[in-house]
Structure formats: C-alpha cells, structure tokens
C-alpha atoms as a PDB file:
ATOM      1  CA  UNK A   1      59.396 260.164 194.178  1.00  0.00           C
ATOM      2  CA  UNK A   2      60.515 263.742 194.225  1.00  0.00           C
ATOM      3  CA  UNK A   3      57.493 266.226 194.506  1.00  0.00           C
ATOM      4  CA  UNK A   4      59.514 269.150 192.618  1.00  0.00           C
ATOM      5  CA  UNK A   5      60.156 267.227 189.829  1.00  0.00           C
ATOM      6  CA  UNK A   6      57.946 264.533 190.187  1.00  0.00           C
ATOM      7  CA  UNK A   7      60.434 261.944 189.182  1.00  0.00           C
ATOM      8  CA  UNK A   8      61.268 258.569 190.670  1.00  0.00           C
ATOM      9  CA  UNK A   9      64.707 258.295 192.758  1.00  0.00           C
ATOM     10  CA  UNK A  10      66.863 255.823 193.578  1.00  0.00           C
ATOM     11  CA  UNK A  11      65.893 254.605 197.001  1.00  0.00           C
ATOM     12  CA  UNK A  12      69.242 252.969 198.279  1.00  0.00           C
ATOM     13  CA  UNK A  13      70.443 256.337 197.352  1.00  0.00           C
ATOM     14  CA  UNK A  14      68.338 258.107 198.304  1.00  0.00           C
ATOM     15  CA  UNK A  15      68.510 256.632 201.981  1.00  0.00           C
ATOM     16  CA  UNK A  16      72.075 257.329 201.859  1.00  0.00           C
ATOM     17  CA  UNK A  17      71.228 260.981 201.948  1.00  0.00           C
ATOM     18  CA  UNK A  18      69.112 261.220 205.096  1.00  0.00           C
ATOM     19  CA  UNK A  19      71.772 261.486 208.029  1.00  0.00           C
ATOM     20  CA  UNK A  20      72.796 265.011 207.248  1.00  0.00           C
ATOM     21  CA  UNK A  21      68.634 266.611 208.379  1.00  0.00           C
ATOM     22  CA  UNK A  22      67.939 267.915 211.749  1.00  0.00           C
ATOM     23  CA  UNK A  23      64.396 266.166 211.312  1.00  0.00           C
ATOM     24  CA  UNK A  24      62.745 264.027 208.806  1.00  0.00           C
ATOM     25  CA  UNK A  25      59.117 263.739 208.708  1.00  0.00           C
ATOM     26  CA  UNK A  26      57.408 260.511 207.741  1.00  0.00           C
ATOM     27  CA  UNK A  27      53.754 260.505 207.039  1.00  0.00           C
ATOM     28  CA  UNK A  28      51.698 257.522 207.615  1.00  0.00           C
ATOM     29  CA  UNK A  29      48.444 255.906 206.950  1.00  0.00           C
ATOM     30  CA  UNK A  30      47.066 254.514 209.993  1.00  0.00           C
ATOM     31  CA  UNK A  31      47.912 250.677 210.855  1.00  0.00           C
ATOM     32  CA  UNK A  32      49.722 250.186 207.495  1.00  0.00           C
ATOM     33  CA  UNK A  33      52.599 247.791 207.999  1.00  0.00           C
ATOM     34  CA  UNK A  34      54.545 248.556 204.966  1.00  0.00           C
ATOM     35  CA  UNK A  35      54.675 252.675 206.373  1.00  0.00           C
ATOM     36  CA  UNK A  36      56.463 250.925 209.643  1.00  0.00           C
ATOM     37  CA  UNK A  37      58.903 249.009 207.051  1.00  0.00           C
ATOM     38  CA  UNK A  38      59.862 252.625 205.598  1.00  0.00           C
ATOM     39  CA  UNK A  39      60.495 253.604 209.097  1.00  0.00           C
ATOM     40  CA  UNK A  40      62.301 251.257 209.962  1.00  0.00           C
ATOM     41  CA  UNK A  41      64.073 251.173 206.768  1.00  0.00           C
ATOM     42  CA  UNK A  42      65.064 254.431 207.435  1.00  0.00           C
ATOM     43  CA  UNK A  43      66.074 254.154 210.828  1.00  0.00           C
ATOM     44  CA  UNK A  44      68.843 251.466 209.447  1.00  0.00           C
ATOM     45  CA  UNK A  45      70.386 253.532 207.153  1.00  0.00           C
ATOM     46  CA  UNK A  46      70.975 256.486 209.705  1.00  0.00           C
ATOM     47  CA  UNK A  47      72.459 253.902 212.263  1.00  0.00           C
ATOM     48  CA  UNK A  48      74.483 252.424 209.454  1.00  0.00           C
ATOM     49  CA  UNK A  49      75.969 256.240 208.410  1.00  0.00           C
ATOM     50  CA  UNK A  50      77.043 256.265 212.153  1.00  0.00           C
ATOM     51  CA  UNK A  51      74.324 258.393 213.916  1.00  0.00           C
ATOM     52  CA  UNK A  52      71.886 257.762 216.970  1.00  0.00           C
ATOM     53  CA  UNK A  53      68.422 258.823 215.395  1.00  0.00           C
ATOM     54  CA  UNK A  54      65.731 259.916 217.812  1.00  0.00           C
ATOM     55  CA  UNK A  55      62.405 258.461 217.339  1.00  0.00           C
ATOM     56  CA  UNK A  56      59.422 261.144 217.799  1.00  0.00           C
ATOM     57  CA  UNK A  57      56.339 258.990 217.750  1.00  0.00           C
ATOM     58  CA  UNK A  58      52.813 260.282 217.634  1.00  0.00           C
ATOM     59  CA  UNK A  59      50.816 256.892 219.255  1.00  0.00           C
ATOM     60  CA  UNK A  60      52.291 257.552 222.517  1.00  0.00           C
ATOM     61  CA  UNK A  61      51.006 260.606 225.115  1.00  0.00           C
ATOM     62  CA  UNK A  62      53.248 262.755 227.198  1.00  0.00           C
ATOM     63  CA  UNK A  63      51.763 261.248 230.125  1.00  0.00           C
ATOM     64  CA  UNK A  64      53.372 257.905 229.094  1.00  0.00           C
ATOM     65  CA  UNK A  65      56.772 258.906 228.195  1.00  0.00           C
ATOM     66  CA  UNK A  66      58.476 258.015 232.090  1.00  0.00           C
ATOM     67  CA  UNK A  67      56.646 254.170 231.051  1.00  0.00           C
ATOM     68  CA  UNK A  68      58.326 254.713 227.808  1.00  0.00           C
ATOM     69  CA  UNK A  69      61.886 255.540 228.965  1.00  0.00           C
ATOM     70  CA  UNK A  70      61.278 252.787 231.558  1.00  0.00           C
ATOM     71  CA  UNK A  71      60.662 250.134 228.506  1.00  0.00           C
ATOM     72  CA  UNK A  72      63.514 251.456 226.845  1.00  0.00           C
ATOM     73  CA  UNK A  73      65.853 250.565 229.595  1.00  0.00           C
ATOM     74  CA  UNK A  74      64.478 247.683 230.939  1.00  0.00           C
ATOM     75  CA  UNK A  75      64.684 244.624 229.344  1.00  0.00           C
ATOM     76  CA  UNK A  76      63.280 242.128 231.783  1.00  0.00           C
ATOM     77  CA  UNK A  77      59.288 244.955 231.576  1.00  0.00           C
ATOM     78  CA  UNK A  78      56.570 242.934 230.673  1.00  0.00           C
ATOM     79  CA  UNK A  79      54.913 244.090 227.598  1.00  0.00           C
ATOM     80  CA  UNK A  80      51.645 244.281 229.386  1.00  0.00           C
ATOM     81  CA  UNK A  81      52.705 246.666 231.777  1.00  0.00           C
ATOM     82  CA  UNK A  82      54.170 248.769 229.549  1.00  0.00           C
ATOM     83  CA  UNK A  83      51.020 248.997 228.044  1.00  0.00           C
ATOM     84  CA  UNK A  84      49.687 250.299 230.877  1.00  0.00           C
ATOM     85  CA  UNK A  85      52.041 252.803 231.582  1.00  0.00           C
ATOM     86  CA  UNK A  86      52.313 254.434 228.345  1.00  0.00           C
ATOM     87  CA  UNK A  87      48.301 254.811 228.732  1.00  0.00           C
ATOM     88  CA  UNK A  88      47.927 253.285 225.241  1.00  0.00           C
ATOM     89  CA  UNK A  89      44.407 252.866 225.303  1.00  0.00           C
ATOM     90  CA  UNK A  90      43.577 255.859 226.687  1.00  0.00           C
ATOM     91  CA  UNK A  91      46.028 257.442 224.267  1.00  0.00           C
ATOM     92  CA  UNK A  92      45.894 255.871 220.802  1.00  0.00           C
ATOM     93  CA  UNK A  93      44.263 252.854 221.278  1.00  0.00           C
ATOM     94  CA  UNK A  94      44.202 249.572 218.531  1.00  0.00           C
ATOM     95  CA  UNK A  95      46.493 246.887 217.610  1.00  0.00           C
ATOM     96  CA  UNK A  96      49.830 248.122 219.535  1.00  0.00           C
ATOM     97  CA  UNK A  97      51.299 245.108 217.349  1.00  0.00           C
ATOM     98  CA  UNK A  98      51.034 247.594 214.106  1.00  0.00           C
ATOM     99  CA  UNK A  99      54.004 250.211 215.896  1.00  0.00           C
ATOM    100  CA  UNK A 100      55.727 247.644 217.944  1.00  0.00           C
ATOM    101  CA  UNK A 101      58.537 246.555 215.247  1.00  0.00           C
ATOM    102  CA  UNK A 102      59.449 250.753 216.294  1.00  0.00           C
ATOM    103  CA  UNK A 103      59.727 250.542 219.534  1.00  0.00           C
ATOM    104  CA  UNK A 104      61.202 246.712 219.472  1.00  0.00           C
ATOM    105  CA  UNK A 105      64.154 248.212 217.503  1.00  0.00           C
ATOM    106  CA  UNK A 106      64.886 251.949 219.734  1.00  0.00           C
ATOM    107  CA  UNK A 107      65.096 249.405 222.245  1.00  0.00           C
ATOM    108  CA  UNK A 108      67.731 247.357 220.335  1.00  0.00           C
ATOM    109  CA  UNK A 109      69.419 249.677 219.399  1.00  0.00           C
ATOM    110  CA  UNK A 110      68.945 251.627 222.281  1.00  0.00           C
ATOM    111  CA  UNK A 111      67.657 254.911 220.747  1.00  0.00           C
ATOM    112  CA  UNK A 112      66.170 257.367 222.245  1.00  0.00           C
ATOM    113  CA  UNK A 113      62.184 257.646 221.894  1.00  0.00           C
ATOM    114  CA  UNK A 114      59.621 261.168 222.443  1.00  0.00           C
ATOM    115  CA  UNK A 115      55.989 260.444 222.751  1.00  0.00           C
ATOM    116  CA  UNK A 116      54.677 263.281 220.297  1.00  0.00           C
ATOM    117  CA  UNK A 117      51.040 263.839 221.433  1.00  0.00           C
ATOM    118  CA  UNK A 118      50.007 265.642 224.457  1.00  0.00           C
ATOM    119  CA  UNK A 119      47.761 264.052 226.864  1.00  0.00           C
ATOM    120  CA  UNK A 120      44.358 263.065 225.004  1.00  0.00           C
ATOM    121  CA  UNK A 121      42.220 264.930 227.905  1.00  0.00           C
ATOM    122  CA  UNK A 122      44.072 268.178 226.752  1.00  0.00           C
ATOM    123  CA  UNK A 123      42.996 267.833 223.464  1.00  0.00           C
ATOM    124  CA  UNK A 124      39.371 266.578 224.482  1.00  0.00           C
ATOM    125  CA  UNK A 125      39.644 269.786 226.376  1.00  0.00           C
ATOM    126  CA  UNK A 126      40.062 272.287 223.673  1.00  0.00           C
ATOM    127  CA  UNK A 127      37.680 270.507 221.522  1.00  0.00           C
ATOM    128  CA  UNK A 128      34.969 271.260 224.152  1.00  0.00           C
ATOM    129  CA  UNK A 129      35.510 274.468 225.833  1.00  0.00           C
ATOM    130  CA  UNK A 130      37.661 276.051 222.997  1.00  0.00           C
ATOM    131  CA  UNK A 131      41.379 276.877 223.160  1.00  0.00           C
ATOM    132  CA  UNK A 132      41.314 280.108 225.056  1.00  0.00           C
ATOM    133  CA  UNK A 133      38.389 278.836 227.780  1.00  0.00           C
ATOM    134  CA  UNK A 134      41.061 275.274 227.850  1.00  0.00           C
ATOM    135  CA  UNK A 135      44.096 277.827 228.169  1.00  0.00           C
ATOM    136  CA  UNK A 136      42.741 278.551 232.295  1.00  0.00           C
ATOM    137  CA  UNK A 137      42.484 274.559 233.478  1.00  0.00           C
ATOM    138  CA  UNK A 138      45.232 273.733 235.538  1.00  0.00           C
ATOM    139  CA  UNK A 139      45.969 270.811 233.707  1.00  0.00           C
ATOM    140  CA  UNK A 140      47.354 272.723 230.623  1.00  0.00           C
ATOM    141  CA  UNK A 141      49.736 274.812 233.540  1.00  0.00           C
ATOM    142  CA  UNK A 142      51.168 271.295 234.489  1.00  0.00           C
ATOM    143  CA  UNK A 143      51.959 270.275 230.739  1.00  0.00           C
ATOM    144  CA  UNK A 144      53.345 273.630 229.771  1.00  0.00           C
ATOM    145  CA  UNK A 145      50.855 274.753 227.487  1.00  0.00           C
ATOM    146  CA  UNK A 146      49.349 277.367 229.257  1.00  0.00           C
ATOM    147  CA  UNK A 147      51.196 279.660 228.165  1.00  0.00           C
ATOM    148  CA  UNK A 148      52.634 278.577 225.274  1.00  0.00           C
ATOM    149  CA  UNK A 149      52.812 280.426 221.578  1.00  0.00           C
ATOM    150  CA  UNK A 150      49.288 278.575 219.341  1.00  0.00           C
ATOM    151  CA  UNK A 151      49.903 280.354 215.879  1.00  0.00           C
ATOM    152  CA  UNK A 152      46.543 280.196 214.158  1.00  0.00           C
ATOM    153  CA  UNK A 153      47.947 280.789 210.319  1.00  0.00           C
ATOM    154  CA  UNK A 154      45.479 281.082 207.871  1.00  0.00           C
ATOM    155  CA  UNK A 155      47.172 278.712 205.018  1.00  0.00           C
ATOM    156  CA  UNK A 156      46.540 276.142 207.831  1.00  0.00           C
ATOM    157  CA  UNK A 157      43.353 277.424 208.815  1.00  0.00           C
ATOM    158  CA  UNK A 158      41.961 277.142 205.503  1.00  0.00           C
ATOM    159  CA  UNK A 159      43.463 273.372 204.782  1.00  0.00           C
ATOM    160  CA  UNK A 160      42.281 271.806 208.086  1.00  0.00           C
ATOM    161  CA  UNK A 161      38.803 273.453 208.360  1.00  0.00           C
ATOM    162  CA  UNK A 162      37.847 272.281 204.230  1.00  0.00           C
ATOM    163  CA  UNK A 163      39.394 268.814 205.277  1.00  0.00           C
ATOM    164  CA  UNK A 164      37.058 268.717 208.434  1.00  0.00           C
ATOM    165  CA  UNK A 165      34.254 269.912 206.759  1.00  0.00           C
ATOM    166  CA  UNK A 166      34.566 267.283 203.953  1.00  0.00           C
ATOM    167  CA  UNK A 167      35.413 264.265 206.420  1.00  0.00           C
ATOM    168  CA  UNK A 168      32.937 265.033 208.694  1.00  0.00           C
ATOM    169  CA  UNK A 169      29.788 266.713 206.981  1.00  0.00           C
ATOM    170  CA  UNK A 170      26.634 267.891 208.892  1.00  0.00           C
ATOM    171  CA  UNK A 171      28.411 269.889 211.519  1.00  0.00           C
ATOM    172  CA  UNK A 172      27.843 273.213 212.980  1.00  0.00           C
ATOM    173  CA  UNK A 173      30.180 275.947 212.446  1.00  0.00           C
ATOM    174  CA  UNK A 174      30.989 275.548 216.444  1.00  0.00           C
ATOM    175  CA  UNK A 175      31.884 271.953 215.851  1.00  0.00           C
ATOM    176  CA  UNK A 176      34.377 272.850 213.038  1.00  0.00           C
ATOM    177  CA  UNK A 177      35.852 275.560 215.086  1.00  0.00           C
ATOM    178  CA  UNK A 178      36.054 273.319 218.225  1.00  0.00           C
ATOM    179  CA  UNK A 179      37.893 270.389 216.288  1.00  0.00           C
ATOM    180  CA  UNK A 180      39.968 272.513 214.286  1.00  0.00           C
ATOM    181  CA  UNK A 181      41.567 274.443 217.892  1.00  0.00           C
ATOM    182  CA  UNK A 182      41.502 270.848 219.134  1.00  0.00           C
ATOM    183  CA  UNK A 183      43.717 270.316 215.710  1.00  0.00           C
ATOM    184  CA  UNK A 184      46.121 272.689 216.219  1.00  0.00           C
ATOM    185  CA  UNK A 185      46.832 272.657 219.437  1.00  0.00           C
ATOM    186  CA  UNK A 186      47.918 269.097 219.069  1.00  0.00           C
ATOM    187  CA  UNK A 187      50.375 269.771 215.638  1.00  0.00           C
ATOM    188  CA  UNK A 188      51.586 273.389 217.921  1.00  0.00           C
ATOM    189  CA  UNK A 189      52.144 270.857 220.734  1.00  0.00           C
ATOM    190  CA  UNK A 190      54.071 267.940 218.582  1.00  0.00           C
ATOM    191  CA  UNK A 191      56.299 270.785 217.189  1.00  0.00           C
ATOM    192  CA  UNK A 192      57.303 271.937 221.056  1.00  0.00           C
ATOM    193  CA  UNK A 193      58.067 268.476 221.807  1.00  0.00           C
ATOM    194  CA  UNK A 194      60.492 267.976 218.304  1.00  0.00           C
ATOM    195  CA  UNK A 195      61.768 271.563 219.346  1.00  0.00           C
ATOM    196  CA  UNK A 196      62.799 270.772 222.805  1.00  0.00           C
ATOM    197  CA  UNK A 197      64.282 267.230 221.455  1.00  0.00           C
ATOM    198  CA  UNK A 198      66.266 268.740 219.198  1.00  0.00           C
ATOM    199  CA  UNK A 199      68.023 271.422 221.936  1.00  0.00           C
ATOM    200  CA  UNK A 200      68.089 268.356 224.307  1.00  0.00           C
ATOM    201  CA  UNK A 201      70.185 266.173 222.188  1.00  0.00           C
ATOM    202  CA  UNK A 202      72.245 269.276 220.614  1.00  0.00           C
ATOM    203  CA  UNK A 203      70.790 267.867 216.925  1.00  0.00           C
ATOM    204  CA  UNK A 204      73.037 269.852 214.232  1.00  0.00           C
ATOM    205  CA  UNK A 205      76.350 269.602 212.526  1.00  0.00           C
ATOM    206  CA  UNK A 206      78.833 267.598 214.048  1.00  0.00           C
ATOM    207  CA  UNK A 207      76.358 265.833 216.301  1.00  0.00           C
ATOM    208  CA  UNK A 208      76.535 262.046 216.555  1.00  0.00           C
ATOM    209  CA  UNK A 209      72.703 262.136 217.942  1.00  0.00           C
ATOM    210  CA  UNK A 210      70.027 262.982 215.023  1.00  0.00           C
ATOM    211  CA  UNK A 211      68.227 263.411 213.296  1.00  0.00           C
ATOM    212  CA  UNK A 212      64.965 263.530 214.736  1.00  0.00           C
ATOM    213  CA  UNK A 213      62.650 260.776 213.166  1.00  0.00           C
ATOM    214  CA  UNK A 214      58.921 262.362 213.693  1.00  0.00           C
ATOM    215  CA  UNK A 215      56.625 259.371 212.865  1.00  0.00           C
ATOM    216  CA  UNK A 216      53.026 260.279 212.813  1.00  0.00           C
ATOM    217  CA  UNK A 217      50.272 260.206 209.711  1.00  0.00           C
ATOM    218  CA  UNK A 218      50.340 262.165 206.986  1.00  0.00           C
ATOM    219  CA  UNK A 219      48.034 265.261 208.038  1.00  0.00           C
ATOM    220  CA  UNK A 220      50.686 266.180 210.644  1.00  0.00           C
ATOM    221  CA  UNK A 221      53.061 267.194 207.609  1.00  0.00           C
ATOM    222  CA  UNK A 222      50.845 268.191 204.644  1.00  0.00           C
ATOM    223  CA  UNK A 223      52.032 271.172 202.933  1.00  0.00           C
ATOM    224  CA  UNK A 224      54.617 271.348 206.022  1.00  0.00           C
ATOM    225  CA  UNK A 225      51.942 273.273 207.587  1.00  0.00           C
ATOM    226  CA  UNK A 226      50.874 271.529 210.749  1.00  0.00           C
ATOM    227  CA  UNK A 227      54.574 270.606 212.479  1.00  0.00           C
ATOM    228  CA  UNK A 228      57.184 271.441 210.659  1.00  0.00           C
ATOM    229  CA  UNK A 229      56.449 275.097 209.721  1.00  0.00           C
ATOM    230  CA  UNK A 230      55.344 275.503 213.861  1.00  0.00           C
ATOM    231  CA  UNK A 231      58.921 273.799 214.796  1.00  0.00           C
ATOM    232  CA  UNK A 232      60.622 276.182 212.171  1.00  0.00           C
ATOM    233  CA  UNK A 233      59.496 279.187 213.545  1.00  0.00           C
ATOM    234  CA  UNK A 234      61.078 278.576 216.514  1.00  0.00           C
ATOM    235  CA  UNK A 235      64.243 278.263 215.323  1.00  0.00           C
ATOM    236  CA  UNK A 236      65.603 281.841 214.555  1.00  0.00           C
ATOM    237  CA  UNK A 237      68.888 280.041 212.712  1.00  0.00           C
ATOM    238  CA  UNK A 238      66.671 277.992 210.827  1.00  0.00           C
ATOM    239  CA  UNK A 239      66.287 274.017 211.288  1.00  0.00           C
ATOM    240  CA  UNK A 240      67.009 271.272 207.891  1.00  0.00           C
ATOM    241  CA  UNK A 241      63.637 269.459 207.788  1.00  0.00           C
ATOM    242  CA  UNK A 242      62.563 266.874 204.680  1.00  0.00           C
ATOM    243  CA  UNK A 243      59.106 265.454 204.500  1.00  0.00           C
ATOM    244  CA  UNK A 244      58.205 262.010 203.517  1.00  0.00           C
ATOM    245  CA  UNK A 245      55.055 261.265 202.527  1.00  0.00           C
ATOM    246  CA  UNK A 246      54.402 257.681 203.101  1.00  0.00           C
ATOM    247  CA  UNK A 247      51.095 256.582 200.504  1.00  0.00           C
ATOM    248  CA  UNK A 248      49.716 253.353 199.057  1.00  0.00           C
ATOM    249  CA  UNK A 249      49.603 252.847 195.907  1.00  0.00           C
ATOM    250  CA  UNK A 250      46.819 251.174 193.389  1.00  0.00           C
ATOM    251  CA  UNK A 251      46.944 251.337 189.436  1.00  0.00           C
ATOM    252  CA  UNK A 252      44.036 252.784 189.678  1.00  0.00           C
ATOM    253  CA  UNK A 253      44.639 255.309 191.682  1.00  0.00           C
ATOM    254  CA  UNK A 254      46.963 257.100 189.662  1.00  0.00           C
ATOM    255  CA  UNK A 255      45.268 260.387 189.278  1.00  0.00           C
ATOM    256  CA  UNK A 256      45.500 260.597 193.170  1.00  0.00           C
ATOM    257  CA  UNK A 257      49.563 260.483 193.438  1.00  0.00           C
ATOM    258  CA  UNK A 258      49.932 263.130 190.483  1.00  0.00           C
ATOM    259  CA  UNK A 259      47.515 265.227 192.409  1.00  0.00           C
ATOM    260  CA  UNK A 260      49.257 264.794 195.252  1.00  0.00           C
ATOM    261  CA  UNK A 261      52.824 265.687 193.836  1.00  0.00           C
ATOM    262  CA  UNK A 262      51.008 268.684 191.928  1.00  0.00           C
ATOM    263  CA  UNK A 263      49.845 270.358 194.983  1.00  0.00           C
ATOM    264  CA  UNK A 264      53.652 270.007 196.895  1.00  0.00           C
ATOM    265  CA  UNK A 265      51.899 267.546 199.838  1.00  0.00           C
ATOM    266  CA  UNK A 266      55.851 266.933 200.706  1.00  0.00           C
ATOM    267  CA  UNK A 267      58.787 266.621 199.582  1.00  0.00           C
ATOM    268  CA  UNK A 268      58.859 263.333 198.796  1.00  0.00           C
ATOM    269  CA  UNK A 269      56.059 260.729 198.107  1.00  0.00           C
ATOM    270  CA  UNK A 270      57.276 256.812 199.039  1.00  0.00           C
ATOM    271  CA  UNK A 271      54.506 254.768 197.578  1.00  0.00           C
ATOM    272  CA  UNK A 272      53.889 251.777 198.905  1.00  0.00           C
ATOM    273  CA  UNK A 273      51.750 248.368 199.130  1.00  0.00           C
ATOM    274  CA  UNK A 274      48.168 249.051 199.955  1.00  0.00           C
ATOM    275  CA  UNK A 275      47.638 248.192 203.778  1.00  0.00           C
ATOM    276  CA  UNK A 276      45.229 245.557 205.488  1.00  0.00           C
ATOM    277  CA  UNK A 277      42.380 248.470 205.642  1.00  0.00           C
ATOM    278  CA  UNK A 278      42.601 249.160 202.083  1.00  0.00           C
ATOM    279  CA  UNK A 279      43.473 252.633 200.601  1.00  0.00           C
ATOM    280  CA  UNK A 280      43.065 255.226 202.687  1.00  0.00           C
ATOM    281  CA  UNK A 281      39.894 257.975 202.547  1.00  0.00           C
ATOM    282  CA  UNK A 282      41.958 261.034 201.252  1.00  0.00           C
ATOM    283  CA  UNK A 283      39.146 264.488 202.627  1.00  0.00           C
ATOM    284  CA  UNK A 284      40.952 267.219 200.018  1.00  0.00           C
END
C-alpha cells in the first residue's frame, strides 16, 4: 500500500520498479519469516532486472564483517564456524535460521553483504556512560566513531523518547536519556555503513551494482528519521531512497494499519501474514 494515497498497488509492477533506487529500506518485525520472504522477493526482482544488489543487514555487527566476508567467499566453511566468527550470539542472538535464507541467497548469487550494527559493546558503552563520555573510549576510535558527527535531531528525539517511555515504563529520566543516546548512536552508525557502501560500490545511475537493500527492524526506518534521514545528510547531491514498512495484518487490527498510513510511517506498507511470535507490540 502506498502511504501517500492509502491505495493498494500491484506487487509485481511495484517490484519491477525498484531497480531505479539507490537505497531500499525494508523495516521488518523481528523473526517473522514472511518478512524475510518479502526481502527475498525484492532481491530476486532486482536480479531479474540485471542488477547486483548489496544487502545491508542489522543482524550482524561490524566486528563480524570479516567472518561474513569469508563465509560468502568460501563454500566449504561450516555454519558453526561462521556463527562463531561473526559473533552471532554476542551481537544478535536468537535463531540464526530465521535469517539464514538471506545469507544463503547472497552466498548463492555472490552478492556483497554489509553488517549494519556497530559492535554491541559500543552500544552498551553509550547506554551506560552517555555519548559524550563514551566517545573518549579507545574502542570508539578503533571503530571510527570517536569523531563521527551524531546529529541529535529534535523530531527524532521526540519520536524515540516517546516510544521508549511507552515501551519501557517506570524508568528515570537518566535511564531514558541513556537508551535514547544508544539508539541515536546505533542509527548514526547504520547510516555511516550505508553511506560507505554507496560510495564503495559506486551505486547510482549507470552502475550495475545496487541498489543497497537495507534490512532492519521497522523502528530504524520509521518516518525516515532514524537511518534514511541520516544517510541523506551525508550526500549533498542527493540520494534516492525508498522506505517500506513490513507489517503483519489481522482483520481485527485494521485501525492500526490506517494509523500507520495516516502518520506516513514509510513510503509503502507491505502487509503480510502474522509471524509465529504473533502481532507486534506497537509503542506509539
């Protein structure tokens, strides 16, 4: 469904139009297999148009990028070794099998994959010490985040802090500030990764490589504030970005879909069946 008009669009025609974008953001409900299947449909559509998309995925951290690269290149690397080298348990956890189809697809089609998340240790550092103090840590310099511009956007702040208070009630102002700064740090780090991928692979008009397909939780793309706006800030000549909010549909929750459309949560809503964990809890 197109948010601007509230109207349903032809999925096949819409998929056929995706090759012209620089970055396509898919915002999922975590561990919903129908959302992974949606991402695979997008990847297949891009390949059918002669493109070589770059998958940027939240479920891996920067400190696992070398292991991810090895697994994509070495067909005989065992899955257990792969999960150890990418620090799956430390950086994401949960069932890897939920997201394995995306990596298997990239491996089969020899697509580049970029880990979007900064190391979890850095995020915890920001949440515990606050952003200003955390920047002085040597690990921040090691990962190129000590001097990185991290923009405290007022609209982003209002949205994230309100959601944090709704989802994590009973905390102190200091608690919410720590969670907010950690969220802002993660989103800026993800934007940094996508911007670097755009430049590295020279995604744009005339390039066979691209678009970047960013696959994250829906909270990282909402209203374009968390990641897309931060990516756009890094390109003075503009970057063509499309946001797609994947959401499970139930007949008795139609009012929620209408609210998401009215609020302009993304450029498009992609309605899917509900995942095995049930409908999401929306902190709005």
